[in-house]
Each structure stands twice: as structure tokens, then as C-alpha cells.
Amino acid sequence: EIIERLRAAGLRGRGGGWFPAWQKWQAVRAEAGPAIVVANGAESEPGSAKDQLVMIERPRQVLEGLGLAARAVGAGEAVIYLKSAFARPQSALEAALAEADLDGIEVRIHRGDDSYVSGEETALLEGLEGRRAWPRPKPPLPSAVGFQGRPTLVQNVETLSRVTAALADPDAYRAAETTLVTLWGHLRRPGVYEVPLGTPLSRVIDEFGGGTPSGVGLVFPAGPSAAPLAGDDLLTPLDPEALKARGSALGTASI
């Protein structure tokens, strides 16, 4: 029932790929063996600060989503993976854990290295197992052979923080979906903002970022991970499919 409600809400992963969350959850649930859930808090994209903000300001929502994910895939254990530099997120999550009721699910926090590649889900699993954080060949996917060979759900922390709202009212969530955007560069008000999906890039820059002191040259919607846009393309909606059609991407929305 949890997975079906997640499907109805249309929640997609905020780790960069925008993959439907319910499909990941269903793939893990379909496997035999003791499943485990890993919350990916190893934010690595240049300029991105939204995952750190989520863990510091919304730790309870992250834990609620983690607990619901574990329940949905049949896991009794979960790990929150952080970079070694993320002391503030760890403190916030530990404080929330002390008060959380996760229905018997064991949760531990792991601090890994600060490398860029540690944010990739299979590299993260290598780091969790005590080896160098380096991507594994795929297939097999983590849903089938993940941490210690077990069925593993690896889900970004922002995604998990949205699970409770998505399940509470799937139709309302789908109708008014937002995402966190990190605005940086030549802007009057750089920072992290909650932005409705479908907002034109030009409005994101002007209304949230306060515009630029001397006009817009190029905008990188996904930081350095995808092609920049300029001119009329700045009317493109903040939406992964619309940006893909323009030859770019949304990724982690590090704009």
C-alpha cells in the first residue's frame, strides 16, 4: 500500500536522476533476503547545499521517510551515509533520532570520505563496506546485490524528506510538487530555495535569486553536470523532462 501511494504521488529521486522512487522500492521488495535502506547524504555536486540544509533543518522528515521506506521494503535496518565533513547534519540527525519512534528499525549514521565519487550509490556501498569509495559495475543493481550482497534501497535524503507528504495526500502532492534549488554564482541572493516545479528558469533567477547585477549570460541548471542555457531557453520550466528536451538537465538543481 505504501508503494502504491508513492506511485500515485509521482515522487521522483532528488539525487540527480529523477527516477521514480516507487520503482526503486518495488525492486528491493521483490528480492529475497534481508533488505536494508541507505539514506544517501553524501552531497557532492559542486555548488549544491540543499541536502545539508534538509538534514540540518528537516531531520525528522528524513527519519520519517527512512522509516516508511524500511517498512515498505521489509527492512529492519537502515544507515545514513554522510561525508566526513558533515558534522552539523550528523548532530541534527542524532538529536532527531533520540526522539524518533521508528517501530524497531535500527538506524546508524556512517561518516565516509569527502570525495566527489562517494555520492554515487554503488561507490557509497563500497565505502560502507570499508573499501575505497569507487563505483561498482552494474548490473547487478543495488536493489538485488547491494550492501554485503543484500537487497539495498539507496535513496537521497531530500527524497526521503518528501515521503511523508507524498503518502499523506498523493493527489495534492502531485498537483503542487516543489523541489529544493541551490542558486549560486552571479546573483543578488544566492541560497537554497523551495521552488514549484514548472517555474520558468528566468523566474527562478529573478524572484528567488533576486536577479543578477548585470544580466544573465549562461545558466547551468545542473551545475557543471549538464549543458548551459541562454537566451529564450531561460523560459524553459524547472522540470527534468523539459530541460532534457532542451539538451540540458535538472540533476540536483544546483543552478
Protein backbone atom coordinates (compact mmCIF):
# COMPACT_ATOMS: atom_id res chain seq x y z
CA GLU A 1 0.00 0.00 0.00
CA ILE A 2 2.87 2.40 0.80
CA ILE A 3 4.49 1.75 -2.57
CA GLU A 4 1.20 2.20 -4.44
CA ARG A 5 0.57 5.54 -2.70
CA LEU A 6 4.11 6.62 -3.57
CA ARG A 7 3.44 5.70 -7.18
CA ALA A 8 0.23 7.75 -7.18
CA ALA A 9 2.12 10.75 -5.78
CA GLY A 10 4.75 10.54 -8.52
CA LEU A 11 7.66 11.20 -6.15
CA ARG A 12 10.99 11.12 -8.02
CA GLY A 13 14.51 10.84 -6.65
CA ARG A 14 16.30 14.11 -5.88
CA GLY A 15 19.82 12.66 -6.07
CA GLY A 16 20.15 13.81 -9.68
CA GLY A 17 18.48 11.12 -11.76
CA TRP A 18 14.79 11.92 -11.04
CA PHE A 19 13.99 8.20 -11.14
CA PRO A 20 10.52 7.25 -9.82
CA ALA A 21 11.02 6.36 -6.16
CA TRP A 22 8.31 3.68 -6.11
CA GLN A 23 10.14 1.65 -8.79
CA LYS A 24 13.27 1.50 -6.64
CA TRP A 25 11.24 0.48 -3.61
CA GLN A 26 9.33 -2.19 -5.52
CA ALA A 27 12.55 -3.64 -6.96
CA VAL A 28 14.00 -4.10 -3.46
CA ARG A 29 10.76 -5.55 -2.07
CA ALA A 30 10.69 -8.14 -4.87
CA GLU A 31 14.08 -9.58 -3.87
CA ALA A 32 14.63 -12.37 -1.37
CA GLY A 33 16.84 -11.88 1.67
CA PRO A 34 17.19 -9.31 4.47
CA ALA A 35 16.82 -5.86 2.90
CA ILE A 36 18.50 -2.68 4.13
CA VAL A 37 17.84 1.01 3.42
CA VAL A 38 20.67 3.53 2.97
CA ALA A 39 19.97 7.27 3.11
CA ASN A 40 22.44 9.00 0.80
CA GLY A 41 23.57 12.21 2.49
CA ALA A 42 26.94 12.41 0.72
CA GLU A 43 26.09 15.59 -1.19
CA SER A 44 28.82 16.04 -3.80
CA GLU A 45 27.65 18.15 -6.73
CA PRO A 46 29.60 21.44 -6.96
CA GLY A 47 27.51 24.31 -5.62
CA SER A 48 24.81 22.08 -4.14
CA ALA A 49 23.87 22.69 -0.49
CA LYS A 50 20.26 21.52 -0.37
CA ASP A 51 20.89 18.06 1.16
CA GLN A 52 22.87 19.55 4.03
CA LEU A 53 20.03 22.00 4.65
CA VAL A 54 17.49 19.16 4.65
CA MET A 55 19.46 17.17 7.23
CA ILE A 56 20.05 20.21 9.45
CA GLU A 57 16.58 21.78 9.24
CA ARG A 58 14.31 18.79 8.46
CA PRO A 59 15.93 15.79 10.18
CA ARG A 60 12.61 14.46 11.47
CA GLN A 61 11.18 14.34 7.95
CA VAL A 62 14.29 12.48 6.75
CA LEU A 63 13.87 9.91 9.53
CA GLU A 64 10.13 9.54 8.92
CA GLY A 65 10.80 8.85 5.24
CA LEU A 66 13.57 6.44 6.15
CA GLY A 67 11.24 4.53 8.48
CA LEU A 68 8.47 4.35 5.88
CA ALA A 69 10.93 3.17 3.23
CA ALA A 70 12.20 0.43 5.53
CA ARG A 71 8.67 -0.67 6.30
CA ALA A 72 7.76 -0.73 2.60
CA VAL A 73 10.71 -2.91 1.52
CA GLY A 74 10.70 -5.13 4.61
CA ALA A 75 13.96 -3.86 6.11
CA GLY A 76 14.75 -3.86 9.82
CA GLU A 77 17.97 -1.90 9.44
CA ALA A 78 18.94 1.45 7.93
CA VAL A 79 22.12 3.50 7.51
CA ILE A 80 22.51 7.25 6.94
CA TYR A 81 25.69 7.86 4.92
CA LEU A 82 27.34 11.26 5.36
CA LYS A 83 30.58 12.85 4.23
CA SER A 84 33.21 13.12 6.94
CA ALA A 85 32.89 16.93 6.83
CA PHE A 86 29.15 16.87 7.63
CA ALA A 87 29.33 17.37 11.41
CA ARG A 88 26.26 19.66 11.63
CA PRO A 89 23.99 17.29 9.70
CA GLN A 90 25.15 14.44 11.91
CA SER A 91 24.37 16.38 15.10
CA ALA A 92 20.90 17.31 13.86
CA LEU A 93 20.11 13.76 12.81
CA GLU A 94 21.39 12.30 16.09
CA ALA A 95 19.19 14.71 18.07
CA ALA A 96 16.16 13.72 15.98
CA LEU A 97 17.00 10.02 16.32
CA ALA A 98 16.97 10.33 20.10
CA GLU A 99 13.30 11.35 19.92
CA ALA A 100 12.14 9.30 16.93
CA ASP A 101 9.87 6.26 17.07
CA LEU A 102 10.94 4.10 14.13
CA ASP A 103 8.99 0.99 15.12
CA GLY A 104 12.05 -1.09 15.97
CA ILE A 105 14.12 -0.23 12.89
CA GLU A 106 17.81 0.03 13.77
CA VAL A 107 19.39 3.18 12.36
CA ARG A 108 23.07 4.10 12.40
CA ILE A 109 25.00 7.04 10.95
CA HIS A 110 28.17 6.44 8.95
CA ARG A 111 30.67 9.19 8.08
CA GLY A 112 32.58 8.36 4.88
CA ASP A 113 35.21 10.26 2.92
CA ASP A 114 34.76 13.63 1.23
CA SER A 115 35.43 12.56 -2.35
CA TYR A 116 33.07 13.58 -5.15
CA VAL A 117 32.51 10.00 -6.25
CA SER A 118 31.36 8.85 -2.80
CA GLY A 119 27.92 10.25 -3.60
CA GLU A 120 27.38 7.65 -6.36
CA GLU A 121 25.23 4.90 -4.89
CA THR A 122 27.50 1.93 -5.56
CA ALA A 123 30.63 3.86 -4.54
CA LEU A 124 28.80 4.71 -1.33
CA LEU A 125 28.20 0.99 -0.73
CA GLU A 126 31.88 0.24 -1.28
CA GLY A 127 32.73 2.87 1.33
CA LEU A 128 30.18 1.41 3.75
CA GLU A 129 31.90 -1.95 3.41
CA GLY A 130 35.27 -0.44 4.32
CA ARG A 131 36.80 -0.17 0.86
CA ARG A 132 37.71 2.76 -1.37
CA ALA A 133 34.60 4.61 -2.50
CA TRP A 134 34.59 3.68 -6.18
CA PRO A 135 31.64 2.74 -8.43
CA ARG A 136 30.81 -0.91 -8.97
CA PRO A 137 29.95 -2.36 -12.36
CA LYS A 138 26.19 -2.53 -12.98
CA PRO A 139 24.37 -4.88 -13.23
CA PRO A 140 23.76 -6.21 -10.67
CA LEU A 141 21.88 -3.23 -9.27
CA PRO A 142 21.95 -2.48 -5.53
CA SER A 143 18.27 -3.47 -5.33
CA ALA A 144 19.40 -7.05 -5.93
CA VAL A 145 23.03 -7.13 -4.72
CA GLY A 146 23.87 -4.14 -2.54
CA PHE A 147 25.38 -3.75 0.92
CA GLN A 148 27.04 -7.04 1.87
CA GLY A 149 25.23 -8.68 -1.03
CA ARG A 150 21.79 -7.83 0.39
CA PRO A 151 18.84 -6.18 -1.41
CA THR A 152 19.52 -2.49 -0.78
CA LEU A 153 17.48 0.67 -1.27
CA VAL A 154 19.75 3.70 -1.65
CA GLN A 155 17.69 6.89 -1.53
CA ASN A 156 18.72 10.54 -1.42
CA VAL A 157 17.91 12.38 1.84
CA GLU A 158 15.80 15.09 0.18
CA THR A 159 13.72 12.36 -1.46
CA LEU A 160 13.17 10.69 1.92
CA SER A 161 12.19 14.01 3.50
CA ARG A 162 9.29 14.25 0.99
CA VAL A 163 7.88 10.76 1.54
CA THR A 164 5.50 11.60 4.41
CA ALA A 165 3.82 14.45 2.50
CA ALA A 166 3.64 12.36 -0.68
CA LEU A 167 1.93 9.47 1.12
CA ALA A 168 -0.43 11.67 3.15
CA ASP A 169 -2.15 13.07 0.03
CA PRO A 170 -0.75 11.71 -3.25
CA ASP A 171 -3.03 13.79 -5.48
CA ALA A 172 -2.23 17.06 -3.72
CA TYR A 173 1.48 16.27 -3.74
CA ARG A 174 1.49 15.58 -7.48
CA ALA A 175 -0.54 18.71 -8.24
CA ALA A 176 1.76 21.09 -6.35
CA GLU A 177 5.17 19.42 -6.37
CA THR A 178 8.17 21.50 -5.37
CA THR A 179 11.90 20.87 -5.21
CA LEU A 180 14.88 22.37 -3.45
CA VAL A 181 17.13 24.50 -5.63
CA THR A 182 20.61 25.77 -4.77
CA LEU A 183 21.15 29.12 -6.54
CA TRP A 184 24.74 30.26 -6.74
CA GLY A 185 27.05 32.33 -8.89
CA HIS A 186 26.46 35.89 -10.08
CA LEU A 187 23.19 36.51 -8.18
CA ARG A 188 21.97 39.05 -5.66
CA ARG A 189 20.51 36.39 -3.32
CA PRO A 190 22.31 33.05 -3.64
CA GLY A 191 20.96 30.32 -1.39
CA VAL A 192 18.68 27.28 -1.14
CA TYR A 193 15.02 27.77 -2.09
CA GLU A 194 11.86 25.65 -2.29
CA VAL A 195 10.61 26.17 -5.86
CA PRO A 196 7.47 24.82 -7.58
CA LEU A 197 8.29 22.50 -10.46
CA GLY A 198 7.32 24.11 -13.75
CA THR A 199 8.55 27.58 -12.76
CA PRO A 200 10.43 29.15 -15.72
CA LEU A 201 14.18 29.38 -15.11
CA SER A 202 14.06 33.13 -15.64
CA ARG A 203 11.55 33.46 -12.75
CA VAL A 204 13.66 31.23 -10.53
CA ILE A 205 16.62 33.56 -11.10
CA ASP A 206 14.69 36.81 -10.72
CA GLU A 207 12.13 36.05 -8.00
CA PHE A 208 14.13 33.70 -5.81
CA GLY A 209 17.70 34.74 -6.58
CA GLY A 210 16.97 38.46 -6.86
CA GLY A 211 18.30 38.61 -10.41
CA THR A 212 21.83 39.43 -11.47
CA PRO A 213 23.67 42.76 -11.21
CA SER A 214 24.45 42.88 -14.93
CA GLY A 215 22.16 40.50 -16.80
CA VAL A 216 22.28 36.75 -17.43
CA GLY A 217 24.96 35.22 -19.60
CA LEU A 218 24.70 31.45 -19.18
CA VAL A 219 22.68 29.37 -16.73
CA PHE A 220 23.75 25.86 -15.77
CA PRO A 221 20.56 24.19 -14.44
CA ALA A 222 22.50 21.20 -13.07
CA GLY A 223 25.75 22.94 -12.18
CA PRO A 224 28.63 21.55 -14.27
CA SER A 225 26.80 18.24 -14.85
CA ALA A 226 24.83 19.36 -17.92
CA ALA A 227 24.91 21.87 -20.75
CA PRO A 228 24.21 25.56 -20.03
CA LEU A 229 21.26 27.52 -21.39
CA ALA A 230 20.91 31.13 -22.54
CA GLY A 231 18.51 33.49 -24.28
CA ASP A 232 15.00 32.16 -24.95
CA ASP A 233 15.92 28.85 -23.30
CA LEU A 234 15.66 30.60 -19.94
CA LEU A 235 11.87 30.38 -20.33
CA THR A 236 12.21 26.59 -20.01
CA PRO A 237 10.31 25.25 -16.97
CA LEU A 238 12.15 23.93 -13.95
CA ASP A 239 11.33 20.34 -14.89
CA PRO A 240 13.65 17.42 -15.70
CA GLU A 241 11.85 16.41 -18.90
CA ALA A 242 11.57 19.97 -20.23
CA LEU A 243 15.26 20.62 -19.58
CA LYS A 244 16.22 17.31 -21.18
CA ALA A 245 14.28 18.35 -24.30
CA ARG A 246 16.44 21.49 -24.41
CA GLY A 247 19.65 19.46 -24.28
CA SER A 248 20.35 20.12 -20.62
CA ALA A 249 19.23 18.54 -17.31
CA LEU A 250 17.99 19.42 -13.83
CA GLY A 251 20.11 16.98 -11.83
CA THR A 252 20.37 18.11 -8.21
CA ALA A 253 19.13 21.60 -9.20
CA SER A 254 22.44 23.25 -8.37
CA ILE A 255 21.76 26.24 -10.61
